[in-house]
């Protein structure tokens, strides 16, 4: 008796084989600059000559957005720590939860201080 996984593997192999066969029978066209509209090619050449846009090297987020992101990450870390504490032996759970909360509070204070300090520097 075949399992569902075996049937799915066979179906995937058949689809892949047929796709490869179709690709081999229809040679693909190689892309060249000759296929690009001359106006577009000229614009692309000017953009390449100017180099990378400055926006690629600027940070997009404001300090408030960075703080919100850090708060989400720290909150997610707290939730992971809580989940780990729940799996710990009963005798260790209380101490584990206290440590998780202390770490959360310390990380939040550091995040607020770090973002606040970064926003004040020119």
PDB file of N, CA and C in Angstrom:
ATOM      1  N   UNK A   1       0.840  -1.171   0.000  1.00  0.00           N
ATOM      2  CA  UNK A   1       0.000   0.000   0.000  1.00  0.00           C
ATOM      3  C   UNK A   1       0.890   1.241   0.000  1.00  0.00           C
ATOM      4  N   UNK A   2       0.630   2.128  -0.919  1.00  0.00           N
ATOM      5  CA  UNK A   2       1.407   3.349  -1.019  1.00  0.00           C
ATOM      6  C   UNK A   2       0.924   4.381  -0.009  1.00  0.00           C
ATOM      7  N   UNK A   3       1.879   5.127   0.524  1.00  0.00           N
ATOM      8  CA  UNK A   3       1.495   6.207   1.431  1.00  0.00           C
ATOM      9  C   UNK A   3       1.272   7.460   0.611  1.00  0.00           C
ATOM     10  N   UNK A   4       0.644   8.423   1.219  1.00  0.00           N
ATOM     11  CA  UNK A   4       0.379   9.698   0.554  1.00  0.00           C
ATOM     12  C   UNK A   4       1.682  10.378   0.146  1.00  0.00           C
ATOM     13  N   UNK A   5       2.692  10.291   1.001  1.00  0.00           N
ATOM     14  CA  UNK A   5       3.981  10.913   0.697  1.00  0.00           C
ATOM     15  C   UNK A   5       4.600  10.296  -0.555  1.00  0.00           C
ATOM     16  N   UNK A   6       4.500   8.970  -0.698  1.00  0.00           N
ATOM     17  CA  UNK A   6       5.054   8.302  -1.872  1.00  0.00           C
ATOM     18  C   UNK A   6       4.331   8.752  -3.133  1.00  0.00           C
ATOM     19  N   UNK A   7       3.032   8.858  -3.065  1.00  0.00           N
ATOM     20  CA  UNK A   7       2.237   9.299  -4.209  1.00  0.00           C
ATOM     21  C   UNK A   7       2.598  10.733  -4.576  1.00  0.00           C
ATOM     22  N   UNK A   8       2.743  11.601  -3.565  1.00  0.00           N
ATOM     23  CA  UNK A   8       3.086  12.999  -3.827  1.00  0.00           C
ATOM     24  C   UNK A   8       4.476  13.126  -4.431  1.00  0.00           C
ATOM     25  N   UNK A   9       5.436  12.316  -3.947  1.00  0.00           N
ATOM     26  CA  UNK A   9       6.779  12.339  -4.518  1.00  0.00           C
ATOM     27  C   UNK A   9       6.736  11.932  -5.986  1.00  0.00           C
ATOM     28  N   UNK A  10       5.949  10.919  -6.285  1.00  0.00           N
ATOM     29  CA  UNK A  10       5.831  10.475  -7.672  1.00  0.00           C
ATOM     30  C   UNK A  10       5.199  11.540  -8.547  1.00  0.00           C
ATOM     31  N   UNK A  11       4.174  12.203  -8.044  1.00  0.00           N
ATOM     32  CA  UNK A  11       3.505  13.259  -8.808  1.00  0.00           C
ATOM     33  C   UNK A  11       4.445  14.432  -9.048  1.00  0.00           C
ATOM     34  N   UNK A  12       5.215  14.801  -8.027  1.00  0.00           N
ATOM     35  CA  UNK A  12       6.173  15.901  -8.182  1.00  0.00           C
ATOM     36  C   UNK A  12       7.236  15.540  -9.207  1.00  0.00           C
ATOM     37  N   UNK A  13       7.714  14.306  -9.162  1.00  0.00           N
ATOM     38  CA  UNK A  13       8.737  13.874 -10.112  1.00  0.00           C
ATOM     39  C   UNK A  13       8.193  13.913 -11.536  1.00  0.00           C
ATOM     40  N   UNK A  14       6.931  13.504 -11.714  1.00  0.00           N
ATOM     41  CA  UNK A  14       6.332  13.541 -13.052  1.00  0.00           C
ATOM     42  C   UNK A  14       6.202  14.973 -13.556  1.00  0.00           C
ATOM     43  N   UNK A  15       5.755  15.883 -12.708  1.00  0.00           N
ATOM     44  CA  UNK A  15       5.613  17.280 -13.101  1.00  0.00           C
ATOM     45  C   UNK A  15       6.965  17.896 -13.439  1.00  0.00           C
ATOM     46  N   UNK A  16       7.967  17.602 -12.633  1.00  0.00           N
ATOM     47  CA  UNK A  16       9.299  18.135 -12.885  1.00  0.00           C
ATOM     48  C   UNK A  16       9.849  17.591 -14.193  1.00  0.00           C
ATOM     49  N   UNK A  17       9.652  16.313 -14.411  1.00  0.00           N
ATOM     50  CA  UNK A  17      10.134  15.704 -15.652  1.00  0.00           C
ATOM     51  C   UNK A  17       9.466  16.301 -16.872  1.00  0.00           C
ATOM     52  N   UNK A  18       8.168  16.512 -16.811  1.00  0.00           N
ATOM     53  CA  UNK A  18       7.472  17.075 -17.961  1.00  0.00           C
ATOM     54  C   UNK A  18       7.877  18.524 -18.187  1.00  0.00           C
ATOM     55  N   UNK A  19       8.115  19.258 -17.121  1.00  0.00           N
ATOM     56  CA  UNK A  19       8.556  20.648 -17.271  1.00  0.00           C
ATOM     57  C   UNK A  19       9.942  20.706 -17.910  1.00  0.00           C
ATOM     58  N   UNK A  20      10.841  19.822 -17.481  1.00  0.00           N
ATOM     59  CA  UNK A  20      12.184  19.789 -18.071  1.00  0.00           C
ATOM     60  C   UNK A  20      12.131  19.380 -19.539  1.00  0.00           C
ATOM     61  N   UNK A  21      11.265  18.445 -19.876  1.00  0.00           N
ATOM     62  CA  UNK A  21      11.124  18.012 -21.257  1.00  0.00           C
ATOM     63  C   UNK A  21      10.590  19.146 -22.122  1.00  0.00           C
ATOM     64  N   UNK A  22       9.603  19.865 -21.629  1.00  0.00           N
ATOM     65  CA  UNK A  22       9.046  20.992 -22.382  1.00  0.00           C
ATOM     66  C   UNK A  22      10.099  22.072 -22.576  1.00  0.00           C
ATOM     67  N   UNK A  23      10.907  22.307 -21.564  1.00  0.00           N
ATOM     68  CA  UNK A  23      11.968  23.313 -21.656  1.00  0.00           C
ATOM     69  C   UNK A  23      13.012  22.896 -22.683  1.00  0.00           C
ATOM     70  N   UNK A  24      13.344  21.622 -22.715  1.00  0.00           N
ATOM     71  CA  UNK A  24      14.352  21.138 -23.663  1.00  0.00           C
ATOM     72  C   UNK A  24      13.851  21.224 -25.102  1.00  0.00           C
ATOM     73  N   UNK A  25      12.558  21.047 -25.312  1.00  0.00           N
ATOM     74  CA  UNK A  25      12.005  21.087 -26.653  1.00  0.00           C
ATOM     75  C   UNK A  25      11.830  22.511 -27.162  1.00  0.00           C
ATOM     76  N   UNK A  26      11.658  23.478 -26.275  1.00  0.00           N
ATOM     77  CA  UNK A  26      11.479  24.875 -26.661  1.00  0.00           C
ATOM     78  C   UNK A  26      12.673  25.687 -26.153  1.00  0.00           C
ATOM     79  N   UNK A  27      13.686  25.886 -26.991  1.00  0.00           N
ATOM     80  CA  UNK A  27      14.841  26.644 -26.517  1.00  0.00           C
ATOM     81  C   UNK A  27      14.421  28.058 -26.135  1.00  0.00           C
ATOM     82  N   UNK A  28      14.939  28.528 -25.013  1.00  0.00           N
ATOM     83  CA  UNK A  28      14.571  29.856 -24.541  1.00  0.00           C
ATOM     84  C   UNK A  28      15.397  30.910 -25.251  1.00  0.00           C
ATOM     85  N   UNK A  29      14.822  32.096 -25.335  1.00  0.00           N
ATOM     86  CA  UNK A  29      15.495  33.207 -25.982  1.00  0.00           C
ATOM     87  C   UNK A  29      16.430  33.856 -24.977  1.00  0.00           C
ATOM     88  N   UNK A  30      17.660  34.100 -25.394  1.00  0.00           N
ATOM     89  CA  UNK A  30      18.623  34.744 -24.523  1.00  0.00           C
ATOM     90  C   UNK A  30      18.361  36.236 -24.526  1.00  0.00           C
ATOM     91  N   UNK A  31      18.358  36.825 -23.338  1.00  0.00           N
ATOM     92  CA  UNK A  31      18.127  38.251 -23.218  1.00  0.00           C
ATOM     93  C   UNK A  31      19.403  39.004 -23.557  1.00  0.00           C
ATOM     94  N   UNK A  32      19.258  39.995 -24.415  1.00  0.00           N
ATOM     95  CA  UNK A  32      20.401  40.833 -24.766  1.00  0.00           C
ATOM     96  C   UNK A  32      19.974  42.283 -24.689  1.00  0.00           C
ATOM     97  N   UNK A  33      20.943  43.188 -24.739  1.00  0.00           N
ATOM     98  CA  UNK A  33      20.622  44.611 -24.721  1.00  0.00           C
ATOM     99  C   UNK A  33      19.876  45.035 -25.978  1.00  0.00           C
ATOM    100  N   UNK A  34      19.960  44.236 -27.031  1.00  0.00           N
ATOM    101  CA  UNK A  34      19.265  44.575 -28.264  1.00  0.00           C
ATOM    102  C   UNK A  34      17.750  44.546 -28.076  1.00  0.00           C
ATOM    103  N   UNK A  35      17.271  43.832 -27.058  1.00  0.00           N
ATOM    104  CA  UNK A  35      15.842  43.726 -26.810  1.00  0.00           C
ATOM    105  C   UNK A  35      15.317  44.889 -25.966  1.00  0.00           C
ATOM    106  N   UNK A  36      16.222  45.708 -25.405  1.00  0.00           N
ATOM    107  CA  UNK A  36      15.825  46.822 -24.543  1.00  0.00           C
ATOM    108  C   UNK A  36      15.582  48.055 -25.407  1.00  0.00           C
ATOM    109  N   UNK A  37      14.480  48.740 -25.119  1.00  0.00           N
ATOM    110  CA  UNK A  37      14.160  49.972 -25.832  1.00  0.00           C
ATOM    111  C   UNK A  37      15.323  50.954 -25.682  1.00  0.00           C
ATOM    112  N   UNK A  38      15.733  51.648 -26.749  1.00  0.00           N
ATOM    113  CA  UNK A  38      16.879  52.565 -26.667  1.00  0.00           C
ATOM    114  C   UNK A  38      16.714  53.658 -25.611  1.00  0.00           C
ATOM    115  N   UNK A  39      15.508  54.180 -25.437  1.00  0.00           N
ATOM    116  CA  UNK A  39      15.289  55.216 -24.423  1.00  0.00           C
ATOM    117  C   UNK A  39      15.509  54.652 -23.020  1.00  0.00           C
ATOM    118  N   UNK A  40      15.036  53.427 -22.778  1.00  0.00           N
ATOM    119  CA  UNK A  40      15.210  52.783 -21.479  1.00  0.00           C
ATOM    120  C   UNK A  40      16.691  52.480 -21.250  1.00  0.00           C
ATOM    121  N   UNK A  41      17.373  51.995 -22.276  1.00  0.00           N
ATOM    122  CA  UNK A  41      18.796  51.682 -22.156  1.00  0.00           C
ATOM    123  C   UNK A  41      19.601  52.940 -21.822  1.00  0.00           C
ATOM    124  N   UNK A  42      19.246  54.056 -22.426  1.00  0.00           N
ATOM    125  CA  UNK A  42      19.936  55.317 -22.152  1.00  0.00           C
ATOM    126  C   UNK A  42      19.717  55.753 -20.701  1.00  0.00           C
ATOM    127  N   UNK A  43      18.477  55.635 -20.229  1.00  0.00           N
ATOM    128  CA  UNK A  43      18.174  56.009 -18.844  1.00  0.00           C
ATOM    129  C   UNK A  43      18.917  55.092 -17.874  1.00  0.00           C
ATOM    130  N   UNK A  44      18.945  53.803 -18.159  1.00  0.00           N
ATOM    131  CA  UNK A  44      19.647  52.864 -17.296  1.00  0.00           C
ATOM    132  C   UNK A  44      21.138  53.194 -17.237  1.00  0.00           C
ATOM    133  N   UNK A  45      21.723  53.546 -18.368  1.00  0.00           N
ATOM    134  CA  UNK A  45      23.144  53.880 -18.406  1.00  0.00           C
ATOM    135  C   UNK A  45      23.438  55.106 -17.542  1.00  0.00           C
ATOM    136  N   UNK A  46      22.558  56.121 -17.603  1.00  0.00           N
ATOM    137  CA  UNK A  46      22.749  57.319 -16.770  1.00  0.00           C
ATOM    138  C   UNK A  46      22.642  56.980 -15.282  1.00  0.00           C
ATOM    139  N   UNK A  47      21.665  56.150 -14.932  1.00  0.00           N
ATOM    140  CA  UNK A  47      21.489  55.771 -13.528  1.00  0.00           C
ATOM    141  C   UNK A  47      22.678  54.975 -13.008  1.00  0.00           C
ATOM    142  N   UNK A  48      23.189  54.084 -13.814  1.00  0.00           N
ATOM    143  CA  UNK A  48      24.346  53.276 -13.406  1.00  0.00           C
ATOM    144  C   UNK A  48      25.574  54.165 -13.233  1.00  0.00           C
ATOM    145  N   UNK A  49      25.733  55.153 -14.102  1.00  0.00           N
ATOM    146  CA  UNK A  49      26.887  56.053 -14.018  1.00  0.00           C
ATOM    147  C   UNK A  49      26.851  56.892 -12.740  1.00  0.00           C
ATOM    148  N   UNK A  50      25.649  57.209 -12.233  1.00  0.00           N
ATOM    149  CA  UNK A  50      25.523  58.008 -11.013  1.00  0.00           C
ATOM    150  C   UNK A  50      25.845  57.210  -9.756  1.00  0.00           C
ATOM    151  N   UNK A  51      25.852  55.923  -9.830  1.00  0.00           N
ATOM    152  CA  UNK A  51      26.145  55.089  -8.663  1.00  0.00           C
ATOM    153  C   UNK A  51      24.895  54.762  -7.869  1.00  0.00           C
ATOM    154  N   UNK A  52      25.116  54.135  -6.715  1.00  0.00           N
ATOM    155  CA  UNK A  52      24.008  53.725  -5.859  1.00  0.00           C
ATOM    156  C   UNK A  52      23.280  54.930  -5.290  1.00  0.00           C
ATOM    157  N   UNK A  53      21.967  54.858  -5.185  1.00  0.00           N
ATOM    158  CA  UNK A  53      21.220  55.957  -4.561  1.00  0.00           C
ATOM    159  C   UNK A  53      21.577  56.074  -3.075  1.00  0.00           C
ATOM    160  N   UNK A  54      21.628  57.287  -2.587  1.00  0.00           N
ATOM    161  CA  UNK A  54      21.961  57.520  -1.179  1.00  0.00           C
ATOM    162  C   UNK A  54      20.950  56.864  -0.253  1.00  0.00           C
ATOM    163  N   UNK A  55      19.693  56.732  -0.699  1.00  0.00           N
ATOM    164  CA  UNK A  55      18.650  56.152   0.163  1.00  0.00           C
ATOM    165  C   UNK A  55      18.963  54.707   0.528  1.00  0.00           C
ATOM    166  N   UNK A  56      19.803  54.035  -0.259  1.00  0.00           N
ATOM    167  CA  UNK A  56      20.154  52.662   0.063  1.00  0.00           C
ATOM    168  C   UNK A  56      20.993  52.583   1.329  1.00  0.00           C
ATOM    169  N   UNK A  57      21.627  53.670   1.691  1.00  0.00           N
ATOM    170  CA  UNK A  57      22.534  53.668   2.837  1.00  0.00           C
ATOM    171  C   UNK A  57      22.005  54.478   4.015  1.00  0.00           C
ATOM    172  N   UNK A  58      20.808  55.019   3.905  1.00  0.00           N
ATOM    173  CA  UNK A  58      20.160  55.743   5.000  1.00  0.00           C
ATOM    174  C   UNK A  58      19.202  54.810   5.700  1.00  0.00           C
ATOM    175  N   UNK A  59      19.074  55.007   6.978  1.00  0.00           N
ATOM    176  CA  UNK A  59      18.108  54.225   7.714  1.00  0.00           C
ATOM    177  C   UNK A  59      16.729  54.829   7.483  1.00  0.00           C
ATOM    178  N   UNK A  60      15.777  54.006   7.126  1.00  0.00           N
ATOM    179  CA  UNK A  60      14.443  54.484   6.791  1.00  0.00           C
ATOM    180  C   UNK A  60      13.634  54.861   8.025  1.00  0.00           C
ATOM    181  N   UNK A  61      13.790  54.094   9.078  1.00  0.00           N
ATOM    182  CA  UNK A  61      12.901  54.227  10.225  1.00  0.00           C
ATOM    183  C   UNK A  61      13.282  55.409  11.113  1.00  0.00           C
ATOM    184  N   UNK A  62      12.275  56.017  11.684  1.00  0.00           N
ATOM    185  CA  UNK A  62      12.492  57.059  12.681  1.00  0.00           C
ATOM    186  C   UNK A  62      12.845  56.378  13.997  1.00  0.00           C
ATOM    187  N   UNK A  63      13.260  57.170  14.958  1.00  0.00           N
ATOM    188  CA  UNK A  63      13.620  56.576  16.251  1.00  0.00           C
ATOM    189  C   UNK A  63      12.399  55.933  16.904  1.00  0.00           C
ATOM    190  N   UNK A  64      11.216  56.517  16.713  1.00  0.00           N
ATOM    191  CA  UNK A  64      10.001  55.921  17.288  1.00  0.00           C
ATOM    192  C   UNK A  64       9.698  54.568  16.657  1.00  0.00           C
ATOM    193  N   UNK A  65       9.888  54.460  15.353  1.00  0.00           N
ATOM    194  CA  UNK A  65       9.637  53.188  14.674  1.00  0.00           C
ATOM    195  C   UNK A  65      10.649  52.137  15.124  1.00  0.00           C
ATOM    196  N   UNK A  66      11.911  52.549  15.290  1.00  0.00           N
ATOM    197  CA  UNK A  66      12.926  51.606  15.774  1.00  0.00           C
ATOM    198  C   UNK A  66      12.582  51.138  17.179  1.00  0.00           C
ATOM    199  N   UNK A  67      12.105  52.068  18.026  1.00  0.00           N
ATOM    200  CA  UNK A  67      11.737  51.701  19.394  1.00  0.00           C
ATOM    201  C   UNK A  67      10.583  50.707  19.388  1.00  0.00           C
ATOM    202  N   UNK A  68       9.583  50.945  18.552  1.00  0.00           N
ATOM    203  CA  UNK A  68       8.449  50.004  18.461  1.00  0.00           C
ATOM    204  C   UNK A  68       8.920  48.627  18.017  1.00  0.00           C
ATOM    205  N   UNK A  69       9.842  48.599  17.059  1.00  0.00           N
ATOM    206  CA  UNK A  69      10.366  47.317  16.588  1.00  0.00           C
ATOM    207  C   UNK A  69      11.116  46.599  17.706  1.00  0.00           C
ATOM    208  N   UNK A  70      11.956  47.336  18.430  1.00  0.00           N
ATOM    209  CA  UNK A  70      12.674  46.738  19.554  1.00  0.00           C
ATOM    210  C   UNK A  70      11.715  46.226  20.623  1.00  0.00           C
ATOM    211  N   UNK A  71      10.671  46.995  20.895  1.00  0.00           N
ATOM    212  CA  UNK A  71       9.695  46.567  21.896  1.00  0.00           C
ATOM    213  C   UNK A  71       9.015  45.262  21.479  1.00  0.00           C
ATOM    214  N   UNK A  72       8.702  45.139  20.206  1.00  0.00           N
ATOM    215  CA  UNK A  72       8.093  43.896  19.716  1.00  0.00           C
ATOM    216  C   UNK A  72       9.061  42.727  19.873  1.00  0.00           C
ATOM    217  N   UNK A  73      10.330  42.955  19.514  1.00  0.00           N
ATOM    218  CA  UNK A  73      11.320  41.886  19.613  1.00  0.00           C
ATOM    219  C   UNK A  73      11.548  41.475  21.062  1.00  0.00           C
ATOM    220  N   UNK A  74      11.618  42.462  21.957  1.00  0.00           N
ATOM    221  CA  UNK A  74      11.822  42.163  23.372  1.00  0.00           C
ATOM    222  C   UNK A  74      10.600  41.440  23.937  1.00  0.00           C
ATOM    223  N   UNK A  75       9.414  41.845  23.518  1.00  0.00           N
ATOM    224  CA  UNK A  75       8.196  41.157  23.940  1.00  0.00           C
ATOM    225  C   UNK A  75       8.163  39.716  23.450  1.00  0.00           C
ATOM    226  N   UNK A  76       8.608  39.500  22.219  1.00  0.00           N
ATOM    227  CA  UNK A  76       8.657  38.134  21.681  1.00  0.00           C
ATOM    228  C   UNK A  76       9.673  37.291  22.455  1.00  0.00           C
ATOM    229  N   UNK A  77      10.795  37.896  22.827  1.00  0.00           N
ATOM    230  CA  UNK A  77      11.793  37.173  23.616  1.00  0.00           C
ATOM    231  C   UNK A  77      11.223  36.804  24.983  1.00  0.00           C
ATOM    232  N   UNK A  78      10.457  37.713  25.591  1.00  0.00           N
ATOM    233  CA  UNK A  78       9.815  37.408  26.875  1.00  0.00           C
ATOM    234  C   UNK A  78       8.863  36.232  26.726  1.00  0.00           C
ATOM    235  N   UNK A  79       8.082  36.229  25.656  1.00  0.00           N
ATOM    236  CA  UNK A  79       7.137  35.128  25.449  1.00  0.00           C
ATOM    237  C   UNK A  79       7.875  33.801  25.272  1.00  0.00           C
ATOM    238  N   UNK A  80       8.985  33.805  24.538  1.00  0.00           N
ATOM    239  CA  UNK A  80       9.773  32.580  24.374  1.00  0.00           C
ATOM    240  C   UNK A  80      10.332  32.118  25.715  1.00  0.00           C
ATOM    241  N   UNK A  81      10.803  33.074  26.525  1.00  0.00           N
ATOM    242  CA  UNK A  81      11.336  32.722  27.844  1.00  0.00           C
ATOM    243  C   UNK A  81      10.239  32.140  28.723  1.00  0.00           C
ATOM    244  N   UNK A  82       9.042  32.735  28.674  1.00  0.00           N
ATOM    245  CA  UNK A  82       7.925  32.207  29.462  1.00  0.00           C
ATOM    246  C   UNK A  82       7.586  30.781  29.039  1.00  0.00           C
ATOM    247  N   UNK A  83       7.565  30.553  27.748  1.00  0.00           N
ATOM    248  CA  UNK A  83       7.270  29.205  27.255  1.00  0.00           C
ATOM    249  C   UNK A  83       8.324  28.210  27.723  1.00  0.00           C
ATOM    250  N   UNK A  84       9.588  28.642  27.724  1.00  0.00           N
ATOM    251  CA  UNK A  84      10.659  27.766  28.204  1.00  0.00           C
ATOM    252  C   UNK A  84      10.495  27.508  29.703  1.00  0.00           C
ATOM    253  N   UNK A  85      10.096  28.529  30.448  1.00  0.00           N
ATOM    254  CA  UNK A  85       9.891  28.367  31.894  1.00  0.00           C
ATOM    255  C   UNK A  85       8.773  27.366  32.178  1.00  0.00           C
ATOM    256  N   UNK A  86       7.737  27.383  31.359  1.00  0.00           N
ATOM    257  CA  UNK A  86       6.622  26.462  31.565  1.00  0.00           C
ATOM    258  C   UNK A  86       7.046  25.010  31.381  1.00  0.00           C
ATOM    259  N   UNK A  87       8.075  24.786  30.567  1.00  0.00           N
ATOM    260  CA  UNK A  87       8.567  23.425  30.349  1.00  0.00           C
ATOM    261  C   UNK A  87       9.596  23.008  31.402  1.00  0.00           C
ATOM    262  N   UNK A  88      10.052  23.948  32.207  1.00  0.00           N
ATOM    263  CA  UNK A  88      11.041  23.653  33.248  1.00  0.00           C
ATOM    264  C   UNK A  88      10.363  22.892  34.392  1.00  0.00           C
ATOM    265  N   UNK A  89      11.167  22.214  35.202  1.00  0.00           N
ATOM    266  CA  UNK A  89      10.591  21.526  36.366  1.00  0.00           C
ATOM    267  C   UNK A  89       9.857  22.517  37.274  1.00  0.00           C
ATOM    268  N   UNK A  90       8.838  22.063  37.950  1.00  0.00           N
ATOM    269  CA  UNK A  90       7.979  22.917  38.772  1.00  0.00           C
ATOM    270  C   UNK A  90       8.775  23.709  39.799  1.00  0.00           C
ATOM    271  N   UNK A  91       9.798  23.112  40.364  1.00  0.00           N
ATOM    272  CA  UNK A  91      10.584  23.782  41.405  1.00  0.00           C
ATOM    273  C   UNK A  91      11.360  24.977  40.852  1.00  0.00           C
ATOM    274  N   UNK A  92      11.631  24.991  39.556  1.00  0.00           N
ATOM    275  CA  UNK A  92      12.439  26.059  38.950  1.00  0.00           C
ATOM    276  C   UNK A  92      11.601  27.122  38.239  1.00  0.00           C
ATOM    277  N   UNK A  93      10.314  26.884  38.058  1.00  0.00           N
ATOM    278  CA  UNK A  93       9.475  27.789  37.253  1.00  0.00           C
ATOM    279  C   UNK A  93       9.402  29.204  37.805  1.00  0.00           C
ATOM    280  N   UNK A  94       9.225  29.340  39.106  1.00  0.00           N
ATOM    281  CA  UNK A  94       9.094  30.671  39.700  1.00  0.00           C
ATOM    282  C   UNK A  94      10.345  31.511  39.455  1.00  0.00           C
ATOM    283  N   UNK A  95      11.491  30.930  39.722  1.00  0.00           N
ATOM    284  CA  UNK A  95      12.752  31.656  39.535  1.00  0.00           C
ATOM    285  C   UNK A  95      12.965  31.975  38.058  1.00  0.00           C
ATOM    286  N   UNK A  96      12.599  31.054  37.213  1.00  0.00           N
ATOM    287  CA  UNK A  96      12.747  31.250  35.761  1.00  0.00           C
ATOM    288  C   UNK A  96      11.877  32.415  35.291  1.00  0.00           C
ATOM    289  N   UNK A  97      10.639  32.468  35.760  1.00  0.00           N
ATOM    290  CA  UNK A  97       9.728  33.550  35.366  1.00  0.00           C
ATOM    291  C   UNK A  97      10.221  34.896  35.881  1.00  0.00           C
ATOM    292  N   UNK A  98      10.738  34.911  37.118  1.00  0.00           N
ATOM    293  CA  UNK A  98      11.270  36.162  37.673  1.00  0.00           C
ATOM    294  C   UNK A  98      12.460  36.652  36.846  1.00  0.00           C
ATOM    295  N   UNK A  99      13.321  35.720  36.463  1.00  0.00           N
ATOM    296  CA  UNK A  99      14.481  36.087  35.646  1.00  0.00           C
ATOM    297  C   UNK A  99      14.045  36.595  34.271  1.00  0.00           C
ATOM    298  N   UNK A 100      13.036  35.963  33.694  1.00  0.00           N
ATOM    299  CA  UNK A 100      12.530  36.389  32.388  1.00  0.00           C
ATOM    300  C   UNK A 100      11.965  37.803  32.472  1.00  0.00           C
ATOM    301  N   UNK A 101      11.190  38.089  33.524  1.00  0.00           N
ATOM    302  CA  UNK A 101      10.633  39.437  33.699  1.00  0.00           C
ATOM    303  C   UNK A 101      11.731  40.475  33.925  1.00  0.00           C
ATOM    304  N   UNK A 102      12.747  40.113  34.713  1.00  0.00           N
ATOM    305  CA  UNK A 102      13.847  41.031  34.979  1.00  0.00           C
ATOM    306  C   UNK A 102      14.616  41.330  33.697  1.00  0.00           C
ATOM    307  N   UNK A 103      14.837  40.309  32.898  1.00  0.00           N
ATOM    308  CA  UNK A 103      15.525  40.508  31.618  1.00  0.00           C
ATOM    309  C   UNK A 103      14.701  41.401  30.705  1.00  0.00           C
ATOM    310  N   UNK A 104      13.392  41.172  30.665  1.00  0.00           N
ATOM    311  CA  UNK A 104      12.490  41.992  29.858  1.00  0.00           C
ATOM    312  C   UNK A 104      12.576  43.459  30.282  1.00  0.00           C
ATOM    313  N   UNK A 105      12.487  43.711  31.579  1.00  0.00           N
ATOM    314  CA  UNK A 105      12.517  45.084  32.074  1.00  0.00           C
ATOM    315  C   UNK A 105      13.865  45.749  31.781  1.00  0.00           C
ATOM    316  N   UNK A 106      14.947  45.013  31.962  1.00  0.00           N
ATOM    317  CA  UNK A 106      16.280  45.553  31.672  1.00  0.00           C
ATOM    318  C   UNK A 106      16.429  45.867  30.180  1.00  0.00           C
ATOM    319  N   UNK A 107      15.989  44.943  29.325  1.00  0.00           N
ATOM    320  CA  UNK A 107      16.092  45.161  27.876  1.00  0.00           C
ATOM    321  C   UNK A 107      15.247  46.344  27.421  1.00  0.00           C
ATOM    322  N   UNK A 108      14.050  46.482  27.992  1.00  0.00           N
ATOM    323  CA  UNK A 108      13.187  47.607  27.622  1.00  0.00           C
ATOM    324  C   UNK A 108      13.816  48.932  28.043  1.00  0.00           C
ATOM    325  N   UNK A 109      14.394  48.965  29.232  1.00  0.00           N
ATOM    326  CA  UNK A 109      15.038  50.196  29.700  1.00  0.00           C
ATOM    327  C   UNK A 109      16.228  50.543  28.807  1.00  0.00           C
ATOM    328  N   UNK A 110      17.011  49.540  28.418  1.00  0.00           N
ATOM    329  CA  UNK A 110      18.159  49.781  27.537  1.00  0.00           C
ATOM    330  C   UNK A 110      17.707  50.245  26.162  1.00  0.00           C
ATOM    331  N   UNK A 111      16.634  49.678  25.677  1.00  0.00           N
ATOM    332  CA  UNK A 111      16.128  50.074  24.357  1.00  0.00           C
ATOM    333  C   UNK A 111      15.687  51.530  24.375  1.00  0.00           C
ATOM    334  N   UNK A 112      14.941  51.908  25.413  1.00  0.00           N
ATOM    335  CA  UNK A 112      14.467  53.288  25.507  1.00  0.00           C
ATOM    336  C   UNK A 112      15.629  54.244  25.677  1.00  0.00           C
ATOM    337  N   UNK A 113      16.612  53.881  26.472  1.00  0.00           N
ATOM    338  CA  UNK A 113      17.779  54.740  26.673  1.00  0.00           C
ATOM    339  C   UNK A 113      18.602  54.824  25.395  1.00  0.00           C
ATOM    340  N   UNK A 114      18.757  53.696  24.710  1.00  0.00           N
ATOM    341  CA  UNK A 114      19.554  53.680  23.481  1.00  0.00           C
ATOM    342  C   UNK A 114      18.915  54.476  22.364  1.00  0.00           C
ATOM    343  N   UNK A 115      17.626  54.329  22.179  1.00  0.00           N
ATOM    344  CA  UNK A 115      16.914  55.072  21.130  1.00  0.00           C
ATOM    345  C   UNK A 115      16.854  56.541  21.500  1.00  0.00           C
ATOM    346  N   UNK A 116      16.570  56.841  22.745  1.00  0.00           N
ATOM    347  CA  UNK A 116      16.513  58.234  23.186  1.00  0.00           C
ATOM    348  C   UNK A 116      17.851  58.922  23.026  1.00  0.00           C
ATOM    349  N   UNK A 117      18.935  58.230  23.366  1.00  0.00           N
ATOM    350  CA  UNK A 117      20.267  58.790  23.209  1.00  0.00           C
ATOM    351  C   UNK A 117      20.642  58.962  21.761  1.00  0.00           C
ATOM    352  N   UNK A 118      20.236  58.008  20.918  1.00  0.00           N
ATOM    353  CA  UNK A 118      20.552  58.090  19.485  1.00  0.00           C
ATOM    354  C   UNK A 118      19.784  59.230  18.826  1.00  0.00           C
ATOM    355  N   UNK A 119      18.561  59.492  19.289  1.00  0.00           N
ATOM    356  CA  UNK A 119      17.752  60.547  18.686  1.00  0.00           C
ATOM    357  C   UNK A 119      18.298  61.919  19.045  1.00  0.00           C
ATOM    358  N   UNK A 120      19.000  62.034  20.180  1.00  0.00           N
ATOM    359  CA  UNK A 120      19.503  63.323  20.609  1.00  0.00           C
ATOM    360  C   UNK A 120      20.833  63.669  19.980  1.00  0.00           C
ATOM    361  N   UNK A 121      21.585  62.660  19.520  1.00  0.00           N
ATOM    362  CA  UNK A 121      22.880  62.941  18.915  1.00  0.00           C
ATOM    363  C   UNK A 121      22.682  63.471  17.509  1.00  0.00           C
ATOM    364  N   UNK A 122      23.464  64.462  17.104  1.00  0.00           N
ATOM    365  CA  UNK A 122      23.278  65.055  15.763  1.00  0.00           C
ATOM    366  C   UNK A 122      23.739  64.120  14.668  1.00  0.00           C
TER     367      UNK A 122
END
